[in-house]
PDB file of all heavy atoms in Angstrom:
ATOM      1  N   GLY A   1      74.729 -33.400 -40.855  1.00  0.00           N
ATOM      2  CA  GLY A   1      74.817 -32.200 -40.051  1.00  0.00           C
ATOM      3  C   GLY A   1      75.647 -31.142 -40.751  1.00  0.00           C
ATOM      4  O   GLY A   1      75.789 -31.142 -41.969  1.00  0.00           O
ATOM      5  N   GLY A   2      76.184 -30.222 -39.941  1.00  0.00           N
ATOM      6  CA  GLY A   2      77.052 -29.235 -40.558  1.00  0.00           C
ATOM      7  C   GLY A   2      76.860 -27.813 -40.101  1.00  0.00           C
ATOM      8  O   GLY A   2      77.346 -26.887 -40.742  1.00  0.00           O
ATOM      9  N   PHE A   3      76.170 -27.606 -38.957  1.00  0.00           N
ATOM     10  CA  PHE A   3      76.119 -26.222 -38.458  1.00  0.00           C
ATOM     11  C   PHE A   3      76.178 -26.206 -36.940  1.00  0.00           C
ATOM     12  O   PHE A   3      75.731 -27.132 -36.250  1.00  0.00           O
ATOM     13  CB  PHE A   3      74.875 -25.478 -38.961  1.00  0.00           C
ATOM     14  CG  PHE A   3      73.605 -25.773 -38.220  1.00  0.00           C
ATOM     15  CD1 PHE A   3      73.279 -25.075 -37.049  1.00  0.00           C
ATOM     16  CD2 PHE A   3      72.718 -26.734 -38.689  1.00  0.00           C
ATOM     17  CE1 PHE A   3      72.098 -25.337 -36.373  1.00  0.00           C
ATOM     18  CE2 PHE A   3      71.534 -26.990 -38.010  1.00  0.00           C
ATOM     19  CZ  PHE A   3      71.223 -26.303 -36.853  1.00  0.00           C
ATOM     20  N   ALA A   4      76.777 -25.154 -36.439  1.00  0.00           N
ATOM     21  CA  ALA A   4      76.801 -24.848 -35.008  1.00  0.00           C
ATOM     22  C   ALA A   4      76.441 -23.377 -34.875  1.00  0.00           C
ATOM     23  O   ALA A   4      76.864 -22.546 -35.692  1.00  0.00           O
ATOM     24  CB  ALA A   4      78.173 -25.118 -34.408  1.00  0.00           C
ATOM     25  N   SER A   5      75.670 -23.045 -33.849  1.00  0.00           N
ATOM     26  CA  SER A   5      75.232 -21.655 -33.738  1.00  0.00           C
ATOM     27  C   SER A   5      74.967 -21.275 -32.292  1.00  0.00           C
ATOM     28  O   SER A   5      74.804 -22.128 -31.414  1.00  0.00           O
ATOM     29  CB  SER A   5      73.964 -21.415 -34.575  1.00  0.00           C
ATOM     30  OG  SER A   5      72.821 -21.990 -33.968  1.00  0.00           O
ATOM     31  N   VAL A   6      74.927 -19.968 -32.071  1.00  0.00           N
ATOM     32  CA  VAL A   6      74.487 -19.385 -30.814  1.00  0.00           C
ATOM     33  C   VAL A   6      73.459 -18.318 -31.145  1.00  0.00           C
ATOM     34  O   VAL A   6      73.520 -17.674 -32.199  1.00  0.00           O
ATOM     35  CB  VAL A   6      75.649 -18.761 -30.009  1.00  0.00           C
ATOM     36  CG1 VAL A   6      76.521 -19.845 -29.399  1.00  0.00           C
ATOM     37  CG2 VAL A   6      76.480 -17.818 -30.878  1.00  0.00           C
ATOM     38  N   ARG A   7      72.490 -18.152 -30.223  1.00  0.00           N
ATOM     39  CA  ARG A   7      71.435 -17.175 -30.442  1.00  0.00           C
ATOM     40  C   ARG A   7      71.150 -16.427 -29.153  1.00  0.00           C
ATOM     41  O   ARG A   7      71.211 -17.008 -28.067  1.00  0.00           O
ATOM     42  CB  ARG A   7      70.137 -17.856 -30.903  1.00  0.00           C
ATOM     43  CG  ARG A   7      70.248 -18.633 -32.194  1.00  0.00           C
ATOM     44  CD  ARG A   7      68.930 -19.300 -32.542  1.00  0.00           C
ATOM     45  NE  ARG A   7      69.078 -20.215 -33.652  1.00  0.00           N
ATOM     46  CZ  ARG A   7      68.096 -20.990 -34.132  1.00  0.00           C
ATOM     47  NH1 ARG A   7      66.875 -20.915 -33.578  1.00  0.00           N
ATOM     48  NH2 ARG A   7      68.323 -21.801 -35.144  1.00  0.00           N
ATOM     49  N   SER A   8      70.822 -15.156 -29.314  1.00  0.00           N
ATOM     50  CA  SER A   8      70.336 -14.393 -28.160  1.00  0.00           C
ATOM     51  C   SER A   8      68.917 -14.829 -27.848  1.00  0.00           C
ATOM     52  O   SER A   8      68.208 -15.349 -28.705  1.00  0.00           O
ATOM     53  CB  SER A   8      70.367 -12.895 -28.463  1.00  0.00           C
ATOM     54  OG  SER A   8      69.414 -12.564 -29.472  1.00  0.00           O
ATOM     55  N   ARG A   9      68.517 -14.627 -26.623  1.00  0.00           N
ATOM     56  CA  ARG A   9      67.134 -14.904 -26.263  1.00  0.00           C
ATOM     57  C   ARG A   9      66.258 -13.721 -26.678  1.00  0.00           C
ATOM     58  O   ARG A   9      66.731 -12.610 -26.820  1.00  0.00           O
ATOM     59  CB  ARG A   9      67.022 -15.187 -24.767  1.00  0.00           C
ATOM     60  CG  ARG A   9      67.871 -16.388 -24.351  1.00  0.00           C
ATOM     61  CD  ARG A   9      67.601 -16.837 -22.937  1.00  0.00           C
ATOM     62  NE  ARG A   9      68.509 -17.906 -22.538  1.00  0.00           N
ATOM     63  CZ  ARG A   9      68.308 -19.194 -22.782  1.00  0.00           C
ATOM     64  NH1 ARG A   9      67.217 -19.569 -23.438  1.00  0.00           N
ATOM     65  NH2 ARG A   9      69.183 -20.103 -22.386  1.00  0.00           N
ATOM     66  N   GLY A  10      64.992 -13.975 -26.902  1.00  0.00           N
ATOM     67  CA  GLY A  10      64.113 -13.004 -27.535  1.00  0.00           C
ATOM     68  C   GLY A  10      63.968 -11.700 -26.779  1.00  0.00           C
ATOM     69  O   GLY A  10      63.782 -11.692 -25.565  1.00  0.00           O
ATOM     70  N   SER A  11      64.078 -10.595 -27.497  1.00  0.00           N
ATOM     71  CA  SER A  11      63.815  -9.274 -26.950  1.00  0.00           C
ATOM     72  C   SER A  11      63.655  -8.310 -28.110  1.00  0.00           C
ATOM     73  O   SER A  11      63.966  -8.625 -29.260  1.00  0.00           O
ATOM     74  CB  SER A  11      64.956  -8.810 -26.034  1.00  0.00           C
ATOM     75  OG  SER A  11      66.143  -8.615 -26.776  1.00  0.00           O
ATOM     76  N   ASN A  12      63.173  -7.139 -27.823  1.00  0.00           N
ATOM     77  CA  ASN A  12      62.991  -6.111 -28.842  1.00  0.00           C
ATOM     78  C   ASN A  12      64.342  -5.493 -29.167  1.00  0.00           C
ATOM     79  O   ASN A  12      64.929  -4.805 -28.337  1.00  0.00           O
ATOM     80  CB  ASN A  12      62.021  -5.038 -28.313  1.00  0.00           C
ATOM     81  CG  ASN A  12      61.753  -3.954 -29.325  1.00  0.00           C
ATOM     82  OD1 ASN A  12      62.325  -3.935 -30.405  1.00  0.00           O
ATOM     83  ND2 ASN A  12      60.872  -3.037 -28.963  1.00  0.00           N
ATOM     84  N   LEU A  13      64.846  -5.728 -30.377  1.00  0.00           N
ATOM     85  CA  LEU A  13      66.163  -5.208 -30.754  1.00  0.00           C
ATOM     86  C   LEU A  13      66.095  -3.819 -31.370  1.00  0.00           C
ATOM     87  O   LEU A  13      67.123  -3.170 -31.547  1.00  0.00           O
ATOM     88  CB  LEU A  13      66.853  -6.177 -31.723  1.00  0.00           C
ATOM     89  CG  LEU A  13      67.153  -7.573 -31.162  1.00  0.00           C
ATOM     90  CD1 LEU A  13      67.915  -8.401 -32.189  1.00  0.00           C
ATOM     91  CD2 LEU A  13      67.934  -7.489 -29.864  1.00  0.00           C
ATOM     92  N   GLY A  14      64.907  -3.353 -31.728  1.00  0.00           N
ATOM     93  CA  GLY A  14      64.758  -1.987 -32.219  1.00  0.00           C
ATOM     94  C   GLY A  14      65.446  -1.714 -33.539  1.00  0.00           C
ATOM     95  O   GLY A  14      65.919  -0.601 -33.777  1.00  0.00           O
ATOM     96  N   LEU A  15      65.503  -2.704 -34.442  1.00  0.00           N
ATOM     97  CA  LEU A  15      66.153  -2.519 -35.739  1.00  0.00           C
ATOM     98  C   LEU A  15      65.202  -1.844 -36.730  1.00  0.00           C
ATOM     99  O   LEU A  15      63.986  -2.037 -36.665  1.00  0.00           O
ATOM    100  CB  LEU A  15      66.611  -3.866 -36.293  1.00  0.00           C
ATOM    101  CG  LEU A  15      67.560  -4.675 -35.405  1.00  0.00           C
ATOM    102  CD1 LEU A  15      67.924  -5.992 -36.066  1.00  0.00           C
ATOM    103  CD2 LEU A  15      68.808  -3.877 -35.077  1.00  0.00           C
ATOM    104  N   LYS A  16      65.781  -1.076 -37.659  1.00  0.00           N
ATOM    105  CA  LYS A  16      64.990  -0.350 -38.641  1.00  0.00           C
ATOM    106  C   LYS A  16      65.605  -0.504 -40.026  1.00  0.00           C
ATOM    107  O   LYS A  16      66.794  -0.817 -40.167  1.00  0.00           O
ATOM    108  CB  LYS A  16      64.918   1.148 -38.290  1.00  0.00           C
ATOM    109  CG  LYS A  16      64.322   1.463 -36.918  1.00  0.00           C
ATOM    110  CD  LYS A  16      62.852   1.097 -36.853  1.00  0.00           C
ATOM    111  CE  LYS A  16      62.260   1.438 -35.499  1.00  0.00           C
ATOM    112  NZ  LYS A  16      60.838   1.011 -35.393  1.00  0.00           N
ATOM    113  N   ASN A  17      64.779  -0.279 -41.047  1.00  0.00           N
ATOM    114  CA  ASN A  17      65.302  -0.250 -42.411  1.00  0.00           C
ATOM    115  C   ASN A  17      66.409   0.791 -42.518  1.00  0.00           C
ATOM    116  O   ASN A  17      66.280   1.899 -41.988  1.00  0.00           O
ATOM    117  CB  ASN A  17      64.187   0.092 -43.400  1.00  0.00           C
ATOM    118  CG  ASN A  17      63.296  -1.093 -43.700  1.00  0.00           C
ATOM    119  OD1 ASN A  17      63.770  -2.219 -43.818  1.00  0.00           O
ATOM    120  ND2 ASN A  17      62.000  -0.848 -43.830  1.00  0.00           N
ATOM    121  N   GLY A  18      67.470   0.434 -43.214  1.00  0.00           N
ATOM    122  CA  GLY A  18      68.591   1.349 -43.383  1.00  0.00           C
ATOM    123  C   GLY A  18      69.673   1.208 -42.339  1.00  0.00           C
ATOM    124  O   GLY A  18      70.771   1.743 -42.511  1.00  0.00           O
ATOM    125  N   ASP A  19      69.386   0.509 -41.226  1.00  0.00           N
ATOM    126  CA  ASP A  19      70.407   0.264 -40.210  1.00  0.00           C
ATOM    127  C   ASP A  19      71.459  -0.711 -40.724  1.00  0.00           C
ATOM    128  O   ASP A  19      71.263  -1.416 -41.715  1.00  0.00           O
ATOM    129  CB  ASP A  19      69.780  -0.339 -38.949  1.00  0.00           C
ATOM    130  CG  ASP A  19      68.919   0.643 -38.180  1.00  0.00           C
ATOM    131  OD1 ASP A  19      68.963   1.845 -38.505  1.00  0.00           O
ATOM    132  OD2 ASP A  19      68.209   0.192 -37.260  1.00  0.00           O
ATOM    133  N   SER A  20      72.567  -0.769 -40.007  1.00  0.00           N
ATOM    134  CA  SER A  20      73.576  -1.798 -40.218  1.00  0.00           C
ATOM    135  C   SER A  20      73.935  -2.417 -38.870  1.00  0.00           C
ATOM    136  O   SER A  20      73.936  -1.719 -37.854  1.00  0.00           O
ATOM    137  CB  SER A  20      74.856  -1.229 -40.860  1.00  0.00           C
ATOM    138  OG  SER A  20      74.616  -0.736 -42.159  1.00  0.00           O
ATOM    139  N   ILE A  21      74.216  -3.711 -38.891  1.00  0.00           N
ATOM    140  CA  ILE A  21      74.772  -4.366 -37.716  1.00  0.00           C
ATOM    141  C   ILE A  21      76.282  -4.268 -37.798  1.00  0.00           C
ATOM    142  O   ILE A  21      76.876  -4.549 -38.850  1.00  0.00           O
ATOM    143  CB  ILE A  21      74.358  -5.847 -37.638  1.00  0.00           C
ATOM    144  CG1 ILE A  21      72.835  -5.980 -37.604  1.00  0.00           C
ATOM    145  CG2 ILE A  21      74.990  -6.524 -36.425  1.00  0.00           C
ATOM    146  CD1 ILE A  21      72.195  -5.462 -36.351  1.00  0.00           C
ATOM    147  N   VAL A  22      76.912  -3.837 -36.718  1.00  0.00           N
ATOM    148  CA  VAL A  22      78.369  -3.751 -36.656  1.00  0.00           C
ATOM    149  C   VAL A  22      78.830  -4.683 -35.538  1.00  0.00           C
ATOM    150  O   VAL A  22      78.336  -4.596 -34.414  1.00  0.00           O
ATOM    151  CB  VAL A  22      78.859  -2.315 -36.388  1.00  0.00           C
ATOM    152  CG1 VAL A  22      80.380  -2.238 -36.510  1.00  0.00           C
ATOM    153  CG2 VAL A  22      78.200  -1.333 -37.346  1.00  0.00           C
ATOM    154  N   ILE A  23      79.771  -5.574 -35.852  1.00  0.00           N
ATOM    155  CA  ILE A  23      80.217  -6.560 -34.887  1.00  0.00           C
ATOM    156  C   ILE A  23      81.749  -6.590 -34.861  1.00  0.00           C
ATOM    157  O   ILE A  23      82.393  -6.613 -35.918  1.00  0.00           O
ATOM    158  CB  ILE A  23      79.630  -7.954 -35.215  1.00  0.00           C
ATOM    159  CG1 ILE A  23      80.116  -9.014 -34.233  1.00  0.00           C
ATOM    160  CG2 ILE A  23      79.890  -8.358 -36.644  1.00  0.00           C
ATOM    161  CD1 ILE A  23      79.372 -10.336 -34.364  1.00  0.00           C
ATOM    162  N   ARG A  24      82.323  -6.519 -33.672  1.00  0.00           N
ATOM    163  CA  ARG A  24      83.780  -6.572 -33.521  1.00  0.00           C
ATOM    164  C   ARG A  24      84.159  -7.985 -33.110  1.00  0.00           C
ATOM    165  O   ARG A  24      83.730  -8.468 -32.052  1.00  0.00           O
ATOM    166  CB  ARG A  24      84.262  -5.557 -32.487  1.00  0.00           C
ATOM    167  CG  ARG A  24      85.779  -5.569 -32.267  1.00  0.00           C
ATOM    168  CD  ARG A  24      86.223  -4.376 -31.425  1.00  0.00           C
ATOM    169  NE  ARG A  24      87.594  -4.478 -30.981  1.00  0.00           N
ATOM    170  CZ  ARG A  24      88.666  -4.205 -31.738  1.00  0.00           C
ATOM    171  NH1 ARG A  24      88.494  -3.800 -32.984  1.00  0.00           N
ATOM    172  NH2 ARG A  24      89.887  -4.318 -31.254  1.00  0.00           N
ATOM    173  N   VAL A  25      84.968  -8.635 -33.959  1.00  0.00           N
ATOM    174  CA  VAL A  25      85.264 -10.053 -33.777  1.00  0.00           C
ATOM    175  C   VAL A  25      86.749 -10.343 -33.965  1.00  0.00           C
ATOM    176  O   VAL A  25      87.473  -9.618 -34.658  1.00  0.00           O
ATOM    177  CB  VAL A  25      84.458 -10.924 -34.766  1.00  0.00           C
ATOM    178  CG1 VAL A  25      82.969 -10.777 -34.533  1.00  0.00           C
ATOM    179  CG2 VAL A  25      84.798 -10.582 -36.214  1.00  0.00           C
ATOM    180  N   ARG A  26      87.179 -11.423 -33.339  1.00  0.00           N
ATOM    181  CA  ARG A  26      88.490 -12.010 -33.619  1.00  0.00           C
ATOM    182  C   ARG A  26      88.252 -13.492 -33.886  1.00  0.00           C
ATOM    183  O   ARG A  26      87.759 -14.216 -33.024  1.00  0.00           O
ATOM    184  CB  ARG A  26      89.444 -11.824 -32.450  1.00  0.00           C
ATOM    185  CG  ARG A  26      90.821 -12.472 -32.687  1.00  0.00           C
ATOM    186  CD  ARG A  26      91.852 -12.009 -31.683  1.00  0.00           C
ATOM    187  NE  ARG A  26      91.510 -12.380 -30.324  1.00  0.00           N
ATOM    188  CZ  ARG A  26      92.214 -12.009 -29.251  1.00  0.00           C
ATOM    189  NH1 ARG A  26      93.279 -11.231 -29.406  1.00  0.00           N
ATOM    190  NH2 ARG A  26      91.842 -12.380 -28.039  1.00  0.00           N
ATOM    191  N   GLY A  27      88.588 -13.923 -35.087  1.00  0.00           N
ATOM    192  CA  GLY A  27      88.225 -15.272 -35.483  1.00  0.00           C
ATOM    193  C   GLY A  27      89.390 -16.136 -35.885  1.00  0.00           C
ATOM    194  O   GLY A  27      90.557 -15.882 -35.544  1.00  0.00           O
ATOM    195  N   ASP A  28      89.057 -17.156 -36.672  1.00  0.00           N
ATOM    196  CA  ASP A  28      90.012 -18.184 -37.083  1.00  0.00           C
ATOM    197  C   ASP A  28      90.187 -18.251 -38.589  1.00  0.00           C
ATOM    198  O   ASP A  28      90.708 -19.235 -39.123  1.00  0.00           O
ATOM    199  CB  ASP A  28      89.549 -19.551 -36.556  1.00  0.00           C
ATOM    200  CG  ASP A  28      88.064 -19.796 -36.834  1.00  0.00           C
ATOM    201  OD1 ASP A  28      87.491 -19.073 -37.689  1.00  0.00           O
ATOM    202  OD2 ASP A  28      87.479 -20.690 -36.206  1.00  0.00           O
ATOM    203  N   GLY A  29      89.739 -17.229 -39.291  1.00  0.00           N
ATOM    204  CA  GLY A  29      89.840 -17.201 -40.744  1.00  0.00           C
ATOM    205  C   GLY A  29      88.660 -17.820 -41.458  1.00  0.00           C
ATOM    206  O   GLY A  29      88.588 -17.775 -42.693  1.00  0.00           O
ATOM    207  N   ARG A  30      87.699 -18.382 -40.722  1.00  0.00           N
ATOM    208  CA  ARG A  30      86.551 -19.019 -41.346  1.00  0.00           C
ATOM    209  C   ARG A  30      85.426 -18.009 -41.585  1.00  0.00           C
ATOM    210  O   ARG A  30      85.430 -16.898 -41.055  1.00  0.00           O
ATOM    211  CB  ARG A  30      86.054 -20.175 -40.468  1.00  0.00           C
ATOM    212  CG  ARG A  30      87.127 -21.224 -40.254  1.00  0.00           C
ATOM    213  CD  ARG A  30      86.687 -22.350 -39.355  1.00  0.00           C
ATOM    214  NE  ARG A  30      85.712 -23.237 -39.993  1.00  0.00           N
ATOM    215  CZ  ARG A  30      85.453 -24.472 -39.581  1.00  0.00           C
ATOM    216  NH1 ARG A  30      86.098 -24.981 -38.530  1.00  0.00           N
ATOM    217  NH2 ARG A  30      84.556 -25.211 -40.212  1.00  0.00           N
ATOM    218  N   GLU A  31      84.461 -18.432 -42.409  1.00  0.00           N
ATOM    219  CA  GLU A  31      83.317 -17.575 -42.711  1.00  0.00           C
ATOM    220  C   GLU A  31      82.132 -17.971 -41.840  1.00  0.00           C
ATOM    221  O   GLU A  31      81.740 -19.137 -41.795  1.00  0.00           O
ATOM    222  CB  GLU A  31      82.931 -17.688 -44.181  1.00  0.00           C
ATOM    223  CG  GLU A  31      81.793 -16.746 -44.574  1.00  0.00           C
ATOM    224  CD  GLU A  31      81.481 -16.788 -46.060  1.00  0.00           C
ATOM    225  OE1 GLU A  31      82.106 -16.018 -46.821  1.00  0.00           O
ATOM    226  OE2 GLU A  31      80.621 -17.606 -46.455  1.00  0.00           O
ATOM    227  N   TYR A  32      81.564 -16.989 -41.160  1.00  0.00           N
ATOM    228  CA  TYR A  32      80.405 -17.192 -40.304  1.00  0.00           C
ATOM    229  C   TYR A  32      79.212 -16.452 -40.900  1.00  0.00           C
ATOM    230  O   TYR A  32      79.365 -15.639 -41.816  1.00  0.00           O
ATOM    231  CB  TYR A  32      80.687 -16.679 -38.891  1.00  0.00           C
ATOM    232  CG  TYR A  32      81.764 -17.459 -38.159  1.00  0.00           C
ATOM    233  CD1 TYR A  32      83.116 -17.250 -38.436  1.00  0.00           C
ATOM    234  CD2 TYR A  32      81.423 -18.394 -37.189  1.00  0.00           C
ATOM    235  CE1 TYR A  32      84.097 -17.968 -37.768  1.00  0.00           C
ATOM    236  CE2 TYR A  32      82.396 -19.116 -36.505  1.00  0.00           C
ATOM    237  CZ  TYR A  32      83.729 -18.898 -36.802  1.00  0.00           C
ATOM    238  OH  TYR A  32      84.704 -19.614 -36.144  1.00  0.00           O
ATOM    239  N   ASN A  33      78.038 -16.721 -40.370  1.00  0.00           N
ATOM    240  CA  ASN A  33      76.830 -15.999 -40.763  1.00  0.00           C
ATOM    241  C   ASN A  33      76.241 -15.291 -39.562  1.00  0.00           C
ATOM    242  O   ASN A  33      76.150 -15.886 -38.478  1.00  0.00           O
ATOM    243  CB  ASN A  33      75.765 -16.957 -41.319  1.00  0.00           C
ATOM    244  CG  ASN A  33      76.058 -17.373 -42.746  1.00  0.00           C
ATOM    245  OD1 ASN A  33      76.211 -16.524 -43.612  1.00  0.00           O
ATOM    246  ND2 ASN A  33      76.149 -18.671 -42.985  1.00  0.00           N
ATOM    247  N   LEU A  34      75.857 -14.029 -39.760  1.00  0.00           N
ATOM    248  CA  LEU A  34      75.032 -13.369 -38.761  1.00  0.00           C
ATOM    249  C   LEU A  34      73.585 -13.602 -39.167  1.00  0.00           C
ATOM    250  O   LEU A  34      73.209 -13.363 -40.319  1.00  0.00           O
ATOM    251  CB  LEU A  34      75.326 -11.870 -38.696  1.00  0.00           C
ATOM    252  CG  LEU A  34      74.673 -11.164 -37.511  1.00  0.00           C
ATOM    253  CD1 LEU A  34      75.429 -11.503 -36.236  1.00  0.00           C
ATOM    254  CD2 LEU A  34      74.646  -9.658 -37.694  1.00  0.00           C
ATOM    255  N   ARG A  35      72.780 -14.079 -38.237  1.00  0.00           N
ATOM    256  CA  ARG A  35      71.399 -14.436 -38.547  1.00  0.00           C
ATOM    257  C   ARG A  35      70.443 -13.628 -37.670  1.00  0.00           C
ATOM    258  O   ARG A  35      70.694 -13.421 -36.482  1.00  0.00           O
ATOM    259  CB  ARG A  35      71.176 -15.935 -38.344  1.00  0.00           C
ATOM    260  CG  ARG A  35      72.053 -16.784 -39.244  1.00  0.00           C
ATOM    261  CD  ARG A  35      71.871 -18.255 -38.954  1.00  0.00           C
ATOM    262  NE  ARG A  35      70.559 -18.736 -39.369  1.00  0.00           N
ATOM    263  CZ  ARG A  35      70.286 -19.269 -40.565  1.00  0.00           C
ATOM    264  NH1 ARG A  35      71.239 -19.375 -41.469  1.00  0.00           N
ATOM    265  NH2 ARG A  35      69.072 -19.705 -40.848  1.00  0.00           N
ATOM    266  N   LEU A  36      69.360 -13.187 -38.270  1.00  0.00           N
ATOM    267  CA  LEU A  36      68.316 -12.444 -37.580  1.00  0.00           C
ATOM    268  C   LEU A  36      67.022 -13.250 -37.653  1.00  0.00           C
ATOM    269  O   LEU A  36      66.668 -13.780 -38.716  1.00  0.00           O
ATOM    270  CB  LEU A  36      68.119 -11.070 -38.219  1.00  0.00           C
ATOM    271  CG  LEU A  36      69.375 -10.189 -38.286  1.00  0.00           C
ATOM    272  CD1 LEU A  36      69.066  -8.895 -39.034  1.00  0.00           C
ATOM    273  CD2 LEU A  36      69.911  -9.882 -36.897  1.00  0.00           C
ATOM    274  N   TYR A  37      66.335 -13.336 -36.520  1.00  0.00           N
ATOM    275  CA  TYR A  37      65.128 -14.160 -36.429  1.00  0.00           C
ATOM    276  C   TYR A  37      63.937 -13.309 -36.025  1.00  0.00           C
ATOM    277  O   TYR A  37      64.063 -12.387 -35.213  1.00  0.00           O
ATOM    278  CB  TYR A  37      65.321 -15.270 -35.391  1.00  0.00           C
ATOM    279  CG  TYR A  37      66.460 -16.224 -35.694  1.00  0.00           C
ATOM    280  CD1 TYR A  37      67.767 -15.911 -35.316  1.00  0.00           C
ATOM    281  CD2 TYR A  37      66.235 -17.422 -36.356  1.00  0.00           C
ATOM    282  CE1 TYR A  37      68.809 -16.770 -35.589  1.00  0.00           C
ATOM    283  CE2 TYR A  37      67.278 -18.304 -36.621  1.00  0.00           C
ATOM    284  CZ  TYR A  37      68.566 -17.972 -36.244  1.00  0.00           C
ATOM    285  OH  TYR A  37      69.606 -18.825 -36.511  1.00  0.00           O
ATOM    286  N   VAL A  38      62.786 -13.651 -36.602  1.00  0.00           N
ATOM    287  CA  VAL A  38      61.523 -13.010 -36.252  1.00  0.00           C
ATOM    288  C   VAL A  38      60.610 -14.069 -35.646  1.00  0.00           C
ATOM    289  O   VAL A  38      60.840 -15.265 -35.809  1.00  0.00           O
ATOM    290  CB  VAL A  38      60.859 -12.355 -37.486  1.00  0.00           C
ATOM    291  CG1 VAL A  38      61.778 -11.308 -38.092  1.00  0.00           C
ATOM    292  CG2 VAL A  38      60.490 -13.409 -38.527  1.00  0.00           C
TER     293      VAL A  38
END
């Protein structure tokens, strides 16, 4: 094993080329991944 994740349920996110995702977080010093699904 080796992964834990959370995902939003499917909807139209309206993302476009050239956009950026901005996320405000408070963590534990570890490295996470933001993942996008089609």
